[in-house]
Amino acid sequence: MPVEMYDLDPIDRRIVAALQVNGRASWTDIAQLTGTSVTTVARRAQQLLADGLVKVAAAPQPGGGPADLLIVRIRCAAGSQLPAAQALAAMPEIRFVALVTGVYDLVAEVLVPKGTSLHSVLLNGLQSIPGIQGSVADLRLHTYKSTHEWSRHLLGTGSQPVAPPPVHDCPPAHLDELDERIISALREDGRTSFQSVALGLGVSESTVRRRFEALYGAGCVQVITLVPAAALGFEAEILFWLSVAPSRLDGVARELAALRGVRYVAATLGQESLMCEVILPSHADVFEFTTKTLGGIDGIQAWTAGVQLLTVKRGFVITPWAARRLAAEGVGATATPPEPRGGTTAGSGRGTRNRRAAAP
């Protein structure tokens, strides 16, 4: 079922917002935040997860040791965009890939370990995918903001869940083999109990809990909750590339990062010096953002943009709704790629249903 068919009611939306802040929060905690019963929260949330409309997953940060992150804009031959996106998503070094409007057809984030030839990644890797005709790659220099909890305001102004610790570029020494296996077990279902993970790995529950909480507290791993923006009533997901006066780059980036609708801000080495991902409720808000927000920030000289049509992969996790879309378009079964540190990155989407006016 197309994402546009979903129309979640306010209770569902608040449940998802709470999960985006803390994907492992208990049903009791979420019930308190959403103002409804534990039974209602558990039933609705479990249905959203089973439908594949929402996915909770553990994701390492950023994916393994010192590495460069390339933000790549890709042009495709007509009709090859979806197969090319699928092929990119199957690559373990791809952290993000989306179909977009504009001059380019796809945008991808590629993690390149230090010592790996950029030439081999771009020419022998990306450019060898059938349908890809050309690309522009910009090196990420600094990340100012990266958040998976863009719907937090749906919870209202009352009590808010505790935000997760900030993430950081985790060096290999922080994770041993057991740490990697724990993250792998929680990648497919980030809400799996520590007891279930322990049974699968043949270790004690206390060991799994202690290790995961240490990694989470240090910012080596995130628990991300993925959901189509349209399901929460947001019409626009847009990627902006901004040309900024060099003396104002840091100031502009910090002004943008402070805005609620901005999900991601990074400085890049390229013709445009900043990349900004924005999620907004309506196209009228996009007009407001471009004319008043961008137009009112000193130092922004020009910008280009593309609307995200379909996010295929985010945080090294393939989105289940994209997997269904690819299958529906006849692209073929989405491959389950090896994850950056071992394990599975693909989400498994099950059957969907229209959730209009769901009863408590």
Foldseek 3Di string as FASTA:
>chain_A
DDPLLAAADLLLLQLLLQCQQPVQDQLVVSCVLSVHDSVVSVVSVVQCVQQLQKAKAKFFPPQEADWWKKKKFWAFDPPCLLLLQLLLLQAQQWAWKFAWDDPGGMITIGTGHPPDDPCCCVVVNSVVRHGTDDMDIWIFDWWPAAGQNLSNCSSPDPDGDDGFDAADHDYNVLDDPVNLQLNQVRGQHVNDQLCVSCVVVVHDSVVSVVSVVVCRNHRRMDTGMDHPLVNSQWDFKKKKFWAFDVVCVVVLQVVQNPDSQWRIWTAIPDNGGIITIGIGNDVVVVVCCVCPVLVVDPGTDDMDMITGPGIQHHSSAGRQSSQVVCVVVVSDGRDFHAHSSGHTRYHHRDHHDHCPPPDD
